[in-house]
Amino acid sequence: MFKITRRHFEIIAKQAKDNFPRECGGFVGGKEGMIQAILPVYNQAITSQYNTFALSSDDLLRAHDFFKKHGMEYYGFYHSHPNGAPHPSKQDIMSGQRFHFIVSMKDSNSPMLTVFS
C-alpha cells in the first residue's frame, strides 16, 4: 500500500532511537502511496511521554498546510511504541486517523515501521 525511501525510514528510525524510551512522532505525506515527506514534531503529552504521544491542533493544521503547499497528500501521523508491538492502541484508533504508522521499538536496534488502516 505505502512505499518509503530508505532515507525517510532512517529519519523516522533515528528519531525513535534518539527519543527512546519516550514516544515520538510526526507526519507523513506523499503521492500515489509513496512517502515523499516527513514532518517530525515534538511530543505534546503532558502526563507521560513514555507511553503517550500527543499532537496539538496547530501541528495538525501545519502538516496539512505543508503537504498541500508541496502538492502532496496527507497520509497521517507516525509515532513510536517504545516497548510495545507495532499495533494501534485504543488511543491510536480513537484519533480518527485513516492510517496509523507505528514504529515498534521492541528491538531498539532494529525499529520496525508498520501501517494499519
Protein backbone atom coordinates (compact mmCIF):
# COMPACT_ATOMS: atom_id res chain seq x y z
CA MET A 1 0.00 0.00 0.00
CA PHE A 2 2.71 2.53 1.00
CA LYS A 3 6.34 2.72 -0.01
CA ILE A 4 9.04 4.59 1.84
CA THR A 5 12.56 5.52 0.81
CA ARG A 6 15.45 4.31 2.92
CA ARG A 7 16.28 7.96 3.71
CA HIS A 8 12.81 8.70 5.11
CA PHE A 9 12.73 5.44 7.05
CA GLU A 10 16.15 6.21 8.54
CA ILE A 11 14.95 9.66 9.66
CA ILE A 12 11.98 8.10 11.45
CA ALA A 13 14.12 5.29 12.94
CA LYS A 14 16.75 7.77 14.19
CA GLN A 15 14.07 9.92 15.80
CA ALA A 16 12.64 6.85 17.56
CA LYS A 17 16.10 5.75 18.74
CA ASP A 18 17.07 9.27 19.89
CA ASN A 19 13.87 9.65 21.92
CA PHE A 20 13.82 6.12 23.34
CA PRO A 21 12.28 5.27 25.82
CA ARG A 22 9.87 8.17 25.17
CA GLU A 23 7.33 8.13 22.36
CA CYS A 24 7.93 10.43 19.41
CA GLY A 25 6.35 11.05 16.05
CA GLY A 26 5.39 13.30 13.21
CA PHE A 27 3.50 13.38 9.93
CA VAL A 28 3.90 11.64 6.59
CA GLY A 29 2.71 12.61 3.16
CA GLY A 30 3.40 11.95 -0.48
CA LYS A 31 1.88 10.93 -3.79
CA GLU A 32 0.37 7.69 -5.04
CA GLY A 33 1.35 5.79 -1.90
CA MET A 34 4.99 6.88 -1.97
CA ILE A 35 6.04 8.66 1.20
CA GLN A 36 7.88 11.73 -0.05
CA ALA A 37 7.98 13.93 3.04
CA ILE A 38 8.20 13.58 6.79
CA LEU A 39 7.43 16.33 9.27
CA PRO A 40 8.69 15.37 12.76
CA VAL A 41 7.01 17.14 15.71
CA TYR A 42 7.55 17.49 19.42
CA ASN A 43 5.58 15.15 21.69
CA GLN A 44 2.94 17.35 23.38
CA ALA A 45 1.99 14.72 26.00
CA ILE A 46 1.82 16.35 29.40
CA THR A 47 1.50 13.36 31.73
CA SER A 48 3.88 10.72 30.41
CA GLN A 49 5.83 10.75 27.19
CA TYR A 50 6.91 7.18 27.99
CA ASN A 51 3.55 5.72 26.93
CA THR A 52 1.74 8.56 25.15
CA PHE A 53 2.25 10.59 22.01
CA ALA A 54 0.16 13.73 21.65
CA LEU A 55 -0.14 16.35 18.94
CA SER A 56 -1.55 19.83 19.03
CA SER A 57 -4.23 21.04 16.64
CA ASP A 58 -1.67 23.58 15.39
CA ASP A 59 0.69 20.70 14.50
CA LEU A 60 -2.08 19.03 12.51
CA LEU A 61 -3.01 22.22 10.65
CA ARG A 62 0.64 22.95 9.90
CA ALA A 63 1.09 19.42 8.50
CA HIS A 64 -1.96 19.69 6.24
CA ASP A 65 -0.77 23.09 5.00
CA PHE A 66 2.77 21.80 4.41
CA PHE A 67 1.71 18.80 2.32
CA LYS A 68 -0.86 20.81 0.36
CA LYS A 69 1.71 23.54 -0.38
CA HIS A 70 4.07 20.91 -1.80
CA GLY A 71 1.40 19.15 -3.86
CA MET A 72 1.27 16.04 -1.69
CA GLU A 73 -1.42 14.08 0.07
CA TYR A 74 -1.54 14.00 3.85
CA TYR A 75 -1.32 10.31 4.83
CA GLY A 76 -1.37 10.62 8.60
CA PHE A 77 0.93 10.72 11.55
CA TYR A 78 3.51 8.25 12.74
CA HIS A 79 4.60 7.60 16.28
CA SER A 80 6.72 5.16 18.19
CA HIS A 81 5.77 2.42 20.60
CA PRO A 82 8.99 2.18 22.63
CA ASN A 83 8.12 -1.01 24.49
CA GLY A 84 5.25 -2.41 22.53
CA ALA A 85 4.21 -4.20 19.44
CA PRO A 86 3.57 -2.22 16.26
CA HIS A 87 -0.21 -2.36 16.58
CA PRO A 88 -2.57 0.58 17.12
CA SER A 89 -3.72 1.10 20.69
CA LYS A 90 -7.27 2.13 21.61
CA GLN A 91 -5.99 5.70 21.86
CA ASP A 92 -4.49 5.44 18.36
CA ILE A 93 -7.77 4.17 16.91
CA MET A 94 -9.75 6.92 18.66
CA SER A 95 -7.54 9.56 16.98
CA GLY A 96 -9.73 9.35 13.88
CA GLN A 97 -6.78 8.96 11.54
CA ARG A 98 -7.36 6.82 8.45
CA PHE A 99 -3.88 5.30 8.63
CA HIS A 100 -1.74 4.51 11.65
CA PHE A 101 2.02 4.48 11.04
CA ILE A 102 3.61 2.85 14.08
CA VAL A 103 7.29 2.42 14.81
CA SER A 104 7.91 -0.53 17.11
CA MET A 105 10.99 -0.20 19.27
CA LYS A 106 10.58 -3.67 20.78
CA ASP A 107 14.10 -4.29 19.44
CA SER A 108 15.70 -0.87 19.95
CA ASN A 109 18.48 -1.72 17.48
CA SER A 110 16.04 -2.55 14.71
CA PRO A 111 12.95 -0.29 14.56
CA MET A 112 10.02 -1.68 12.57
CA LEU A 113 7.51 0.60 10.79
CA THR A 114 4.06 -0.82 10.13
CA VAL A 115 0.91 0.77 8.71
CA PHE A 116 -2.66 -0.02 9.71
CA SER A 117 -5.91 1.30 8.31
